[in-house]
Each structure stands twice: as C-alpha cells, then as structure tokens.
N, C-alpha and C. Protein backbone atom coordinates (compact mmCIF):
# COMPACT_ATOMS: atom_id res chain seq x y z
N MET A 1 103.10 108.44 141.37
CA MET A 1 102.03 109.22 141.15
C MET A 1 102.07 110.12 141.56
N ILE A 2 101.90 111.65 140.98
CA ILE A 2 102.01 112.79 141.41
C ILE A 2 100.81 113.38 141.06
N ASN A 3 99.99 113.76 142.76
CA ASN A 3 98.49 114.09 143.05
C ASN A 3 98.68 115.60 142.65
N VAL A 4 97.54 116.28 141.82
CA VAL A 4 97.20 117.51 141.30
C VAL A 4 96.22 118.04 142.00
N LEU A 5 95.80 119.18 142.20
CA LEU A 5 94.90 119.74 142.55
C LEU A 5 94.74 120.82 141.33
N LEU A 6 93.62 120.88 140.60
CA LEU A 6 93.24 121.17 139.47
C LEU A 6 92.41 122.74 139.84
N VAL A 7 92.90 123.88 139.31
CA VAL A 7 91.63 124.82 139.79
C VAL A 7 91.74 125.87 138.73
N ASP A 8 90.45 126.05 138.14
CA ASP A 8 90.03 126.98 137.25
C ASP A 8 88.63 126.83 137.52
N ASP A 9 88.11 128.51 137.41
CA ASP A 9 86.64 128.39 137.24
C ASP A 9 85.83 128.32 136.04
N GLN A 10 86.55 128.21 135.00
CA GLN A 10 85.49 127.60 133.90
C GLN A 10 85.52 125.76 133.68
N THR A 11 84.40 125.39 133.77
CA THR A 11 84.03 123.81 134.40
C THR A 11 84.24 123.18 133.14
N LEU A 12 84.07 123.52 131.76
CA LEU A 12 84.61 122.71 130.65
C LEU A 12 86.09 122.92 130.41
N VAL A 13 86.74 124.14 131.06
CA VAL A 13 88.22 123.76 131.20
C VAL A 13 88.98 122.38 132.14
N ARG A 14 88.41 122.97 133.07
CA ARG A 14 88.68 122.09 134.26
C ARG A 14 88.49 120.32 133.79
N HIS A 15 87.25 120.10 133.05
CA HIS A 15 86.59 118.92 132.77
C HIS A 15 88.01 118.43 131.49
N GLY A 16 88.17 119.57 130.76
CA GLY A 16 88.62 119.31 129.75
C GLY A 16 90.26 118.83 130.24
N ILE A 17 90.87 119.45 130.95
CA ILE A 17 92.30 119.48 131.41
C ILE A 17 92.17 117.98 132.40
N ASN A 18 91.47 117.87 133.44
CA ASN A 18 91.11 116.63 133.83
C ASN A 18 90.66 115.13 132.78
N SER A 19 90.18 115.28 132.02
CA SER A 19 90.24 113.96 130.83
C SER A 19 91.46 114.22 130.06
N LEU A 20 92.38 114.94 129.93
CA LEU A 20 93.53 115.23 129.51
C LEU A 20 94.54 114.18 130.60
N LEU A 21 94.77 115.03 131.45
CA LEU A 21 95.45 114.48 132.73
C LEU A 21 95.14 112.52 132.89
N GLY A 22 94.17 112.66 132.41
CA GLY A 22 93.58 111.01 132.72
C GLY A 22 94.15 110.47 131.81
N LEU A 23 94.90 110.60 130.91
CA LEU A 23 95.66 109.79 129.63
C LEU A 23 97.13 109.58 130.24
N ALA A 24 97.56 110.49 131.25
CA ALA A 24 98.83 110.47 131.44
C ALA A 24 98.95 108.86 132.65
N ASP A 25 99.86 108.26 132.68
CA ASP A 25 100.12 107.31 133.67
C ASP A 25 101.02 107.89 135.04
N SER A 26 101.56 109.16 134.91
CA SER A 26 102.52 109.35 136.10
C SER A 26 101.54 110.50 137.17
N VAL A 27 100.74 110.71 136.58
CA VAL A 27 99.75 112.16 137.19
C VAL A 27 98.13 111.68 137.53
N GLU A 28 97.66 111.98 138.49
CA GLU A 28 96.29 111.97 138.77
C GLU A 28 95.65 113.25 139.53
N VAL A 29 94.58 113.95 138.79
CA VAL A 29 94.00 114.91 139.76
C VAL A 29 93.32 114.19 140.89
N VAL A 30 93.18 114.63 141.86
CA VAL A 30 93.02 114.00 142.98
C VAL A 30 91.89 115.15 143.73
N ALA A 31 91.83 116.35 143.05
CA ALA A 31 90.74 116.91 143.25
C ALA A 31 90.44 118.47 142.65
N GLN A 32 89.46 118.88 142.39
CA GLN A 32 89.23 119.80 141.88
C GLN A 32 88.65 121.39 142.29
N ALA A 33 88.78 122.31 142.19
CA ALA A 33 88.13 124.01 142.88
C ALA A 33 87.79 125.26 141.76
N SER A 34 87.09 125.67 142.17
CA SER A 34 86.50 126.35 140.81
C SER A 34 86.98 128.63 141.24
N ASP A 35 87.80 128.19 142.13
CA ASP A 35 88.30 129.70 142.28
C ASP A 35 89.65 129.37 143.49
N GLY A 36 90.06 130.47 143.67
CA GLY A 36 91.27 130.39 144.73
C GLY A 36 91.15 129.89 146.34
N LEU A 37 90.03 130.56 146.68
CA LEU A 37 89.30 130.57 147.96
C LEU A 37 89.05 128.94 148.34
N LYS A 38 88.24 128.54 147.15
CA LYS A 38 87.88 126.58 147.31
C LYS A 38 88.95 126.45 147.19
N ALA A 39 90.19 126.70 146.90
CA ALA A 39 91.43 125.81 146.43
C ALA A 39 92.05 125.31 147.65
N ILE A 40 92.17 126.60 148.32
CA ILE A 40 92.29 126.62 150.00
C ILE A 40 91.78 125.70 150.83
N GLU A 41 90.36 126.29 150.44
CA GLU A 41 89.56 125.18 151.58
C GLU A 41 89.86 123.84 151.40
N CYS A 42 89.94 123.84 150.18
CA CYS A 42 90.36 121.94 149.81
C CYS A 42 91.86 121.46 150.29
N LEU A 43 92.49 122.69 150.57
CA LEU A 43 94.20 122.19 151.05
C LEU A 43 93.83 121.95 152.27
N GLN A 44 92.86 122.69 152.91
CA GLN A 44 92.93 123.00 154.31
C GLN A 44 91.97 121.81 154.61
N ALA A 45 91.08 121.73 154.47
CA ALA A 45 89.91 120.73 155.08
C ALA A 45 90.34 120.12 155.91
N LYS A 46 91.06 118.73 155.08
CA LYS A 46 91.28 117.32 155.82
C LYS A 46 92.75 117.22 156.30
N LYS A 47 93.45 116.99 157.31
CA LYS A 47 94.80 116.62 157.26
C LYS A 47 94.90 115.19 157.48
N SER A 48 93.95 114.39 157.56
CA SER A 48 94.66 112.75 157.74
C SER A 48 95.39 112.34 156.54
N LEU A 49 96.37 111.42 156.99
CA LEU A 49 97.38 111.46 155.74
C LEU A 49 96.57 110.57 154.72
N GLU A 50 95.41 109.52 155.44
CA GLU A 50 94.77 108.39 154.13
C GLU A 50 94.20 109.43 153.25
N ASP A 51 93.82 110.93 153.39
CA ASP A 51 92.92 111.45 152.41
C ASP A 51 93.82 112.21 151.08
N LYS A 52 93.75 111.54 150.06
CA LYS A 52 94.33 111.80 149.07
C LYS A 52 94.68 113.72 148.85
N LEU A 53 93.94 114.37 149.66
CA LEU A 53 93.32 116.23 149.33
C LEU A 53 94.97 116.53 150.56
N ALA A 54 95.33 115.48 151.29
CA ALA A 54 96.25 116.28 152.39
C ALA A 54 97.57 115.19 152.09
N GLN A 55 97.73 114.69 150.27
CA GLN A 55 98.71 114.50 149.94
C GLN A 55 99.13 115.28 148.19
N VAL A 56 98.59 116.44 148.37
CA VAL A 56 98.65 117.14 146.89
C VAL A 56 99.96 117.45 146.94
N ASP A 57 100.30 117.03 145.54
CA ASP A 57 101.76 116.86 145.14
C ASP A 57 102.05 118.66 144.35
N VAL A 58 101.36 118.97 143.92
CA VAL A 58 101.31 119.99 142.49
C VAL A 58 100.11 120.80 142.32
N VAL A 59 99.82 122.14 142.50
CA VAL A 59 98.56 122.53 142.27
C VAL A 59 98.36 123.10 140.93
N LEU A 60 97.71 122.93 139.75
CA LEU A 60 97.76 123.57 138.31
C LEU A 60 96.56 124.46 138.55
N MET A 61 96.91 125.66 138.53
CA MET A 61 96.10 126.88 138.34
C MET A 61 95.79 127.89 137.53
N ASP A 62 94.42 128.70 137.55
CA ASP A 62 94.46 129.58 136.35
C ASP A 62 94.50 130.78 137.12
N ILE A 63 95.59 131.69 136.52
CA ILE A 63 95.88 133.20 136.80
C ILE A 63 95.07 134.02 137.36
N ARG A 64 93.98 134.09 136.26
CA ARG A 64 92.67 134.64 135.90
C ARG A 64 91.31 134.15 137.05
N MET A 65 90.78 134.47 137.88
CA MET A 65 89.49 133.84 138.24
C MET A 65 88.68 134.84 139.24
N PRO A 66 87.60 134.54 139.72
CA PRO A 66 86.63 135.52 140.58
C PRO A 66 86.94 135.05 141.81
N ASN A 67 86.69 135.82 142.58
CA ASN A 67 86.97 135.75 144.20
C ASN A 67 87.98 135.78 144.58
N LEU A 68 89.14 135.15 144.47
CA LEU A 68 90.60 135.00 144.43
C LEU A 68 91.14 134.63 143.39
N ASP A 69 92.18 135.38 142.82
CA ASP A 69 92.77 134.65 141.49
C ASP A 69 93.62 133.94 142.07
N GLY A 70 94.43 133.58 140.78
CA GLY A 70 95.60 132.68 141.05
C GLY A 70 97.15 133.42 141.71
N ILE A 71 97.17 134.60 141.10
CA ILE A 71 98.13 135.28 141.99
C ILE A 71 97.97 135.69 143.40
N GLN A 72 97.03 136.03 143.63
CA GLN A 72 96.33 136.18 145.22
C GLN A 72 96.61 134.77 146.20
N THR A 73 96.04 133.76 145.19
CA THR A 73 95.91 132.77 145.84
C THR A 73 97.09 131.84 146.09
N LEU A 74 98.12 132.19 145.13
CA LEU A 74 99.50 132.19 145.61
C LEU A 74 100.22 132.43 146.85
N ILE A 75 99.83 133.97 146.89
CA ILE A 75 100.39 134.54 147.92
C ILE A 75 99.72 134.37 149.56
N ARG A 76 98.33 133.90 149.25
CA ARG A 76 97.53 133.36 150.23
C ARG A 76 98.51 132.06 150.82
N LEU A 77 98.59 130.94 149.74
CA LEU A 77 99.19 129.68 150.53
C LEU A 77 100.42 130.14 150.90
N ASN A 78 101.31 130.96 150.04
CA ASN A 78 102.93 131.29 151.31
C ASN A 78 102.97 131.62 152.57
N GLU A 79 101.74 132.95 152.74
CA GLU A 79 101.50 133.08 154.16
C GLU A 79 101.12 131.90 155.23
N LEU A 80 100.28 131.21 154.11
CA LEU A 80 100.18 129.58 155.12
C LEU A 80 101.12 128.73 155.40
N GLY A 81 101.99 129.01 154.27
CA GLY A 81 103.18 128.13 154.79
C GLY A 81 103.36 126.95 153.73
N SER A 82 102.61 127.02 152.85
CA SER A 82 102.29 125.72 151.78
C SER A 82 103.72 125.45 151.44
N LYS A 83 104.12 124.72 150.95
CA LYS A 83 105.24 124.48 150.36
C LYS A 83 104.64 123.37 148.73
N ILE A 84 103.97 123.50 148.30
CA ILE A 84 103.36 123.09 147.54
C ILE A 84 103.50 123.70 146.25
N PRO A 85 104.32 123.36 145.07
CA PRO A 85 105.04 123.81 144.02
C PRO A 85 103.36 124.02 143.33
N VAL A 86 103.30 125.46 142.48
CA VAL A 86 102.12 125.80 141.63
C VAL A 86 102.62 126.03 140.20
N ILE A 87 101.72 125.20 139.88
CA ILE A 87 101.88 125.68 137.71
C ILE A 87 100.56 126.81 137.82
N MET A 88 101.02 128.41 137.17
CA MET A 88 100.10 128.99 136.75
C MET A 88 99.81 128.84 135.18
N LEU A 89 98.48 128.93 134.65
CA LEU A 89 97.96 128.87 133.50
C LEU A 89 97.20 129.73 132.90
N THR A 90 97.67 130.24 131.95
CA THR A 90 97.11 131.36 131.13
C THR A 90 97.05 131.63 130.11
N THR A 91 95.80 132.60 129.64
CA THR A 91 95.44 132.27 127.64
C THR A 91 95.65 133.56 127.40
N PHE A 92 96.38 134.46 128.42
CA PHE A 92 96.56 136.26 127.83
C PHE A 92 98.23 136.18 127.58
N ASP A 93 98.04 137.63 127.02
CA ASP A 93 99.26 137.94 126.43
C ASP A 93 99.42 139.18 127.57
N ASP A 94 99.87 138.61 128.62
CA ASP A 94 99.96 139.81 129.98
C ASP A 94 100.59 139.63 130.36
N HIS A 95 102.08 140.09 130.33
CA HIS A 95 103.27 139.68 131.01
C HIS A 95 103.48 140.03 132.17
N GLU A 96 102.63 141.28 131.99
CA GLU A 96 102.61 142.18 134.06
C GLU A 96 102.14 140.52 135.06
N SER A 97 101.35 140.09 134.26
CA SER A 97 100.28 139.24 135.18
C SER A 97 101.42 137.88 135.48
N VAL A 98 102.00 137.50 134.24
CA VAL A 98 102.83 136.64 134.63
C VAL A 98 103.92 136.39 135.44
N ILE A 99 104.80 138.08 135.02
CA ILE A 99 106.18 138.42 136.14
C ILE A 99 105.55 138.70 137.27
N LYS A 100 104.19 139.15 137.58
CA LYS A 100 103.76 139.41 139.25
C LYS A 100 103.42 137.61 139.95
N ALA A 101 103.09 136.69 138.95
CA ALA A 101 103.19 135.17 139.28
C ALA A 101 104.62 134.59 139.75
N ILE A 102 105.30 135.54 138.88
CA ILE A 102 106.78 134.78 139.17
C ILE A 102 107.18 134.96 140.33
N GLN A 103 107.37 136.88 140.82
CA GLN A 103 107.38 137.23 142.11
C GLN A 103 106.73 136.49 143.45
N ALA A 104 105.27 135.74 142.88
CA ALA A 104 104.73 135.46 143.94
C ALA A 104 105.33 134.11 144.38
N GLY A 105 106.13 133.18 143.52
CA GLY A 105 107.15 132.09 143.44
C GLY A 105 106.28 130.75 142.74
N ALA A 106 105.31 131.10 142.16
CA ALA A 106 104.86 130.34 141.05
C ALA A 106 106.34 129.34 140.43
N LYS A 107 105.94 128.19 139.96
CA LYS A 107 107.16 127.64 139.72
C LYS A 107 107.08 126.88 138.16
N GLY A 108 105.87 127.19 137.55
CA GLY A 108 105.68 126.28 136.29
C GLY A 108 104.56 127.90 135.44
N TYR A 109 104.95 127.70 134.30
CA TYR A 109 103.91 128.92 133.74
C TYR A 109 103.84 128.41 132.27
N LEU A 110 102.18 128.08 131.95
CA LEU A 110 102.05 127.59 130.68
C LEU A 110 100.67 128.20 130.21
N LEU A 111 100.68 127.97 128.90
CA LEU A 111 99.67 128.30 128.41
C LEU A 111 98.30 127.05 128.02
N LYS A 112 97.14 127.74 127.87
CA LYS A 112 96.43 125.92 128.52
C LYS A 112 96.21 125.14 127.14
N ASP A 113 97.01 125.70 125.93
CA ASP A 113 97.07 125.13 124.85
C ASP A 113 97.63 124.46 124.35
N VAL A 114 98.33 123.95 125.98
CA VAL A 114 99.96 122.91 125.85
C VAL A 114 99.26 121.52 125.59
N SER A 115 100.49 121.04 125.09
CA SER A 115 99.95 119.35 124.77
C SER A 115 100.12 118.17 125.94
N LEU A 116 99.54 118.06 126.14
CA LEU A 116 100.00 116.64 127.16
C LEU A 116 100.87 116.31 127.84
N GLU A 117 101.63 115.96 126.69
CA GLU A 117 103.33 115.80 126.79
C GLU A 117 103.72 116.92 127.50
N THR A 118 103.22 118.72 127.07
CA THR A 118 104.13 119.59 127.60
C THR A 118 103.33 119.55 128.94
N LEU A 119 102.22 119.38 129.06
CA LEU A 119 101.55 119.70 130.67
C LEU A 119 102.03 118.67 131.59
N VAL A 120 102.39 117.32 131.63
CA VAL A 120 102.85 116.67 132.22
C VAL A 120 104.51 116.60 132.06
N GLU A 121 105.16 117.09 131.27
CA GLU A 121 106.58 117.47 131.87
C GLU A 121 106.31 118.74 132.83
N ALA A 122 105.84 119.50 132.75
CA ALA A 122 106.08 121.02 133.78
C ALA A 122 105.43 120.27 135.06
N ILE A 123 104.55 119.49 134.78
CA ILE A 123 104.48 118.66 136.46
C ILE A 123 105.16 117.67 137.21
N GLU A 124 105.59 117.40 136.22
CA GLU A 124 106.89 116.71 136.53
C GLU A 124 108.02 117.43 137.23
N THR A 125 108.53 118.09 136.50
CA THR A 125 109.64 119.40 136.58
C THR A 125 109.31 119.96 137.95
N VAL A 126 108.33 120.46 137.93
CA VAL A 126 107.89 121.46 139.26
C VAL A 126 108.26 120.40 140.73
N HIS A 127 107.42 119.14 140.16
CA HIS A 127 107.32 118.59 141.23
C HIS A 127 109.09 117.90 141.76
N ALA A 128 109.75 117.74 141.06
CA ALA A 128 111.23 117.77 141.32
C ALA A 128 112.05 119.20 141.84
N GLY A 129 110.94 120.12 141.72
CA GLY A 129 111.82 120.87 142.64
C GLY A 129 112.09 121.97 141.46
N LYS A 130 112.27 121.78 140.19
CA LYS A 130 112.73 123.06 139.52
C LYS A 130 111.42 123.72 139.19
N THR A 131 111.86 124.08 138.11
CA THR A 131 111.10 126.00 137.11
C THR A 131 110.65 125.34 135.74
N LEU A 132 109.88 125.53 135.27
CA LEU A 132 109.67 125.62 133.89
C LEU A 132 108.72 126.82 133.31
N ILE A 133 108.89 127.62 132.43
CA ILE A 133 108.52 128.61 131.71
C ILE A 133 108.28 128.03 130.07
N GLN A 134 107.15 127.96 129.93
CA GLN A 134 107.01 127.36 128.44
C GLN A 134 107.32 128.77 127.55
N PRO A 135 108.57 128.28 126.56
CA PRO A 135 108.76 129.58 125.54
C PRO A 135 107.58 130.33 125.04
N ALA A 136 107.08 129.69 124.34
CA ALA A 136 105.91 130.59 124.13
C ALA A 136 105.61 131.90 125.41
N ILE A 137 105.59 131.75 126.57
CA ILE A 137 105.15 132.72 127.54
C ILE A 137 106.08 133.58 127.78
N THR A 138 107.65 133.25 127.50
CA THR A 138 109.19 133.99 127.53
C THR A 138 109.54 134.75 126.50
N GLU A 139 108.60 134.41 125.17
CA GLU A 139 108.55 135.28 124.02
C GLU A 139 107.59 136.64 124.81
N ARG A 140 106.64 136.04 125.33
CA ARG A 140 105.35 137.14 125.33
C ARG A 140 106.15 137.97 126.58
N LEU A 141 106.69 137.41 127.01
CA LEU A 141 107.35 138.77 128.34
C LEU A 141 108.24 139.18 128.04
N ILE A 142 109.44 138.91 126.96
CA ILE A 142 110.23 139.63 126.00
C ILE A 142 110.10 140.57 125.18
N GLN A 143 108.50 140.13 124.56
CA GLN A 143 107.84 141.67 123.86
C GLN A 143 107.44 142.78 125.12
N GLY A 144 106.73 142.17 125.76
CA GLY A 144 106.01 143.29 127.02
C GLY A 144 107.25 144.14 127.20
N LEU A 145 108.58 143.58 127.06
CA LEU A 145 109.88 144.66 127.42
C LEU A 145 109.72 146.16 126.67
N GLN A 146 109.26 145.66 125.54
CA GLN A 146 109.62 146.92 124.50
C GLN A 146 109.25 148.44 125.18
N GLY A 147 107.86 148.06 125.67
CA GLY A 147 106.91 149.20 126.71
C GLY A 147 107.72 149.56 127.83
N ILE A 148 108.49 148.84 128.55
CA ILE A 148 109.39 149.67 129.88
C ILE A 148 110.67 150.16 129.40
N LYS A 149 110.98 150.90 130.10
CA LYS A 149 112.09 151.95 130.20
C LYS A 149 112.63 151.84 131.76
N GLY A 150 113.86 152.07 131.73
CA GLY A 150 114.80 151.64 132.95
C GLY A 150 114.91 153.74 133.41
N ASP A 151 115.16 153.66 135.20
CA ASP A 151 115.47 155.09 135.40
C ASP A 151 116.85 154.92 135.43
N PHE A 152 117.59 154.06 135.28
CA PHE A 152 119.44 154.29 134.85
C PHE A 152 119.48 154.02 133.21
N GLU A 153 120.95 154.69 133.34
CA GLU A 153 121.61 154.26 132.33
C GLU A 153 122.52 153.05 132.01
N ALA A 154 122.34 152.34 131.07
CA ALA A 154 123.11 151.28 130.61
C ALA A 154 122.94 151.01 129.20
N SER A 155 124.08 150.26 129.06
CA SER A 155 123.97 150.06 127.36
C SER A 155 123.59 148.66 127.22
N GLU A 156 123.02 148.42 125.79
CA GLU A 156 122.74 146.98 125.37
C GLU A 156 122.94 145.78 126.21
N MET A 157 123.92 146.11 126.17
CA MET A 157 125.13 144.44 127.08
C MET A 157 125.33 145.21 128.38
N PRO A 158 124.35 145.28 129.40
CA PRO A 158 125.02 145.85 130.93
C PRO A 158 126.05 145.15 131.07
N GLU A 159 126.86 145.56 132.02
CA GLU A 159 128.03 145.31 133.06
C GLU A 159 127.43 143.64 133.69
N PRO A 160 128.78 142.59 132.95
CA PRO A 160 127.98 141.53 134.23
C PRO A 160 127.82 141.38 135.26
N LEU A 161 126.69 140.57 135.79
CA LEU A 161 126.75 140.31 136.97
C LEU A 161 127.25 139.14 137.80
N SER A 162 127.67 139.52 138.61
CA SER A 162 128.81 138.14 139.55
C SER A 162 127.63 137.19 139.55
N THR A 163 128.67 136.05 140.48
CA THR A 163 128.15 135.01 140.41
C THR A 163 126.71 134.91 141.69
N ARG A 164 127.16 135.50 142.72
CA ARG A 164 126.44 136.00 143.91
C ARG A 164 125.11 137.26 143.18
N GLU A 165 125.77 137.79 142.54
CA GLU A 165 124.19 138.48 141.84
C GLU A 165 123.17 138.08 141.40
N THR A 166 123.98 136.92 140.87
CA THR A 166 122.69 136.19 139.44
C THR A 166 121.92 135.05 140.67
N GLU A 167 122.81 134.45 141.79
CA GLU A 167 121.58 133.95 142.68
C GLU A 167 120.85 134.70 143.20
N ILE A 168 121.03 135.77 144.00
CA ILE A 168 120.29 136.85 144.38
C ILE A 168 118.88 137.37 143.41
N LEU A 169 119.34 137.62 142.06
CA LEU A 169 118.08 137.74 140.79
C LEU A 169 117.58 136.66 141.06
N ARG A 170 118.28 135.02 140.50
CA ARG A 170 116.89 134.19 140.73
C ARG A 170 116.09 133.98 142.25
N LEU A 171 117.01 134.31 143.01
CA LEU A 171 115.83 134.19 144.34
C LEU A 171 114.83 135.58 144.51
N MET A 172 115.19 136.60 143.61
CA MET A 172 114.13 137.64 143.48
C MET A 172 113.13 137.16 142.64
N ALA A 173 113.38 136.45 141.64
CA ALA A 173 112.67 136.27 140.49
C ALA A 173 111.53 134.88 141.32
N ALA A 174 111.85 134.45 142.17
CA ALA A 174 110.87 133.54 143.13
C ALA A 174 110.28 133.85 143.86
N GLY A 175 110.35 135.60 144.39
CA GLY A 175 109.82 136.46 145.20
C GLY A 175 109.82 136.23 146.75
N CYS A 176 111.58 135.91 146.71
CA CYS A 176 112.28 136.18 147.96
C CYS A 176 112.00 137.77 148.89
N SER A 177 112.09 138.09 149.81
CA SER A 177 112.45 139.43 150.55
C SER A 177 113.56 139.65 150.77
N ASN A 178 114.04 140.12 151.13
CA ASN A 178 115.23 140.67 151.21
C ASN A 178 115.73 140.08 153.12
N ARG A 179 114.79 139.69 153.58
CA ARG A 179 115.29 139.00 154.95
C ARG A 179 115.10 137.56 154.22
N GLU A 180 114.75 137.26 153.64
CA GLU A 180 114.40 135.32 153.07
C GLU A 180 115.48 135.02 152.22
N MET A 181 116.34 136.20 151.72
CA MET A 181 117.33 136.18 150.58
C MET A 181 118.87 135.92 151.75
N ALA A 182 118.45 136.95 152.84
CA ALA A 182 119.74 136.99 153.75
C ALA A 182 119.64 135.78 154.63
N GLU A 183 118.51 135.27 155.01
CA GLU A 183 118.63 133.84 155.55
C GLU A 183 119.07 132.95 155.04
N SER A 184 118.17 132.55 153.63
CA SER A 184 119.09 131.69 152.59
C SER A 184 120.33 131.33 152.22
N LEU A 185 121.19 132.85 151.93
CA LEU A 185 122.62 133.06 151.98
C LEU A 185 124.05 133.23 152.82
N PHE A 186 122.88 133.62 154.10
CA PHE A 186 123.75 133.75 155.06
C PHE A 186 124.25 135.05 155.32
N LYS A 187 123.55 135.74 154.75
CA LYS A 187 124.37 137.70 154.63
C LYS A 187 123.35 138.40 155.15
N SER A 188 123.82 139.58 155.63
CA SER A 188 122.68 140.34 156.34
C SER A 188 121.40 140.96 155.47
N GLU A 189 121.14 141.63 156.05
CA GLU A 189 119.80 142.09 155.20
C GLU A 189 120.50 143.59 154.55
N GLY A 190 121.42 144.25 155.15
CA GLY A 190 122.11 145.27 154.42
C GLY A 190 122.72 145.18 153.37
N THR A 191 123.43 143.85 153.29
CA THR A 191 124.62 143.15 152.38
C THR A 191 123.19 143.34 151.27
N ILE A 192 122.31 141.96 151.31
CA ILE A 192 121.62 142.01 150.46
C ILE A 192 120.96 143.29 149.68
N LYS A 193 120.23 144.23 150.25
CA LYS A 193 119.67 145.42 149.66
C LYS A 193 120.84 145.79 149.06
N ASN A 194 121.91 146.26 148.89
CA ASN A 194 123.04 146.66 148.13
C ASN A 194 123.41 146.37 146.96
N GLN A 195 123.34 144.70 146.90
CA GLN A 195 123.43 144.05 146.18
C GLN A 195 121.96 144.29 145.33
N VAL A 196 121.55 144.11 145.29
CA VAL A 196 119.95 144.90 144.83
C VAL A 196 120.11 145.50 143.96
N SER A 197 120.63 146.43 144.82
CA SER A 197 120.61 147.97 144.32
C SER A 197 121.67 147.75 143.04
N SER A 198 122.70 146.84 143.37
CA SER A 198 124.02 146.88 141.78
C SER A 198 123.31 146.44 140.81
N ILE A 199 122.45 145.15 141.00
CA ILE A 199 121.68 144.36 140.07
C ILE A 199 120.98 145.41 139.43
N LEU A 200 120.02 146.24 140.20
CA LEU A 200 119.36 147.52 139.54
C LEU A 200 120.34 148.36 138.31
N SER A 201 121.01 148.60 139.05
CA SER A 201 121.93 149.64 138.63
C SER A 201 122.56 148.83 137.31
N LYS A 202 123.06 147.65 137.29
CA LYS A 202 123.90 147.05 136.60
C LYS A 202 123.14 146.46 134.55
N LEU A 203 121.86 146.47 135.44
CA LEU A 203 120.77 146.20 134.05
C LEU A 203 119.77 147.14 134.04
N GLY A 204 119.94 148.57 134.32
CA GLY A 204 119.36 149.46 134.06
C GLY A 204 117.84 149.62 134.46
N VAL A 205 117.64 149.07 135.28
CA VAL A 205 115.96 149.18 135.57
C VAL A 205 115.80 149.18 137.06
N ARG A 206 114.32 149.90 137.47
CA ARG A 206 114.18 151.02 138.69
C ARG A 206 113.71 149.81 139.67
N ASP A 207 113.34 148.57 139.32
CA ASP A 207 112.76 148.12 140.25
C ASP A 207 112.83 146.56 139.91
N ARG A 208 112.73 145.51 141.15
CA ARG A 208 112.45 143.94 140.66
C ARG A 208 111.54 143.40 139.93
N THR A 209 110.77 144.37 139.27
CA THR A 209 109.75 143.42 138.73
C THR A 209 110.87 143.30 136.83
N ARG A 210 110.98 144.78 136.78
CA ARG A 210 111.96 145.02 135.32
C ARG A 210 113.59 144.44 135.38
N ALA A 211 113.61 144.40 136.75
CA ALA A 211 115.18 142.97 136.47
C ALA A 211 114.82 142.04 136.35
N VAL A 212 113.46 141.25 136.60
CA VAL A 212 113.29 139.79 136.24
C VAL A 212 113.33 139.68 134.74
N LEU A 213 112.77 140.67 134.44
CA LEU A 213 112.20 140.83 133.15
C LEU A 213 113.54 140.97 132.22
N LYS A 214 114.17 141.92 132.94
CA LYS A 214 115.27 142.30 131.76
C LYS A 214 116.49 140.76 132.05
N ALA A 215 116.37 140.46 133.10
CA ALA A 215 117.31 138.67 133.01
C ALA A 215 116.50 137.98 131.95
N ILE A 216 115.21 138.01 131.78
CA ILE A 216 114.97 136.67 131.13
C ILE A 216 115.36 137.52 129.21
N GLU A 217 115.22 138.50 129.20
CA GLU A 217 115.42 139.04 127.98
C GLU A 217 116.66 138.49 127.47
N LEU A 218 117.57 138.78 128.60
CA LEU A 218 119.09 138.72 128.35
C LEU A 218 120.01 136.96 128.71
N GLY A 219 118.82 136.07 128.97
CA GLY A 219 119.08 135.19 129.07
C GLY A 219 119.67 134.75 130.25
N ILE A 220 119.71 135.55 131.01
CA ILE A 220 120.64 135.35 132.59
C ILE A 220 119.82 133.99 133.39
N ILE A 221 118.51 134.16 133.35
CA ILE A 221 117.41 133.41 134.38
C ILE A 221 116.97 132.90 133.35
C-alpha cells in the first residue's frame, strides 16, 4: 500500500480526490492538508514508526495555494532533507509554474481532471523512483516556448548533446545545483559549470529554465 499526503486548499477538491483514491487498491490517503505550511507540519508532527504520518510515501500537492504554495513547499521540504517524491497538481495553463516545479524537484505533474487510472499510475511511478509528466502538460510547456527567445544563435536542430551533457540536463531538470551535480557525477564544480554553459550554447538558450523547456520540446528529456 502506498501512503499519500494530499495537499490542496480547496476542501471539495481534496475530498473529491480522496474519494477517488479510495477506489484504488494500491493507494491510501493517510493525511490531508489545506496548504504547504500544514503539509510540512503534518510530515514533522510525529516521528513514531507506528504513526502513518511518519510513513508517507508520496505527496500529492496543488501548485497554487495560500500561505505557502506548492513550489515553495517543495523547496522547503528539500531544505529539510525530505526524500518523499512530490506530484504537483494544476488546473492552469501556466508553463512557468510547472517548469519551476520541475526545477524544485517535483517528480510528477498532472492536471486535476485526470482519471483514477492515470492518477494511480502517477503515484506508483514516482513511488518507484521515476518521473511522470502528463502529456497534456508537456504540450502546454511546448506551446509556452513560442514566446521564449534565446540569447544564442542556434538552428532549429541544435548541435547534438553528448551523453554526459544529456545526463547533466536531466539533473538540471530535477533542480540540482552545480555542486550537487558535481557530487553526483564525481566531477569538479568548474567542469560542471563549463558543461552547463556548453548545453545552453548548443540549445541556443540563456538559462537553465529555457534549457529544460527546449529539451522537452525536442524530446531530449
């Protein structure tokens, strides 16, 4: 059984998702919170291994909430050392919020009108250590690229990335800093910085956010 913490400021939405997941055999909502602050309180409240709150496997969280939104909550959880995978829920055509969630380390991204099958699949996927982006959200991210221009000259088909550069790009999408990437890949920060610059140049973009968006558009990640 996968234990889920459900976080959404809209009571009816929380109750609806809770009722929906109640139909699944592999998932159980063990706690609910109305905003990010309460979600963090839930996760920190009790440390007993006998308490289900100490055994949350996946956080299912709205991106936009009062007090502390989903992205800021995820950043705070990362600072606290949480390793619990987070799936972001959204109803908005806001590609910038979604890409910020990607950079903050969210492992899943879904629209709130998903089917039970898709929702359960996403929870099982991130629980297994993988990432899931709903195709509808990917399409919106790509559409959002139309208004973004890079600072470098690049053709429609940029110079291919090396295997290592693609690996670094995936780590960038996960929100890793240069130091974290250096530690993960056993390289110096200087080497990582140079490779990041090479990635930006090849993709014809000016920053990491646009690099991730461009990579999604090209199907690199």
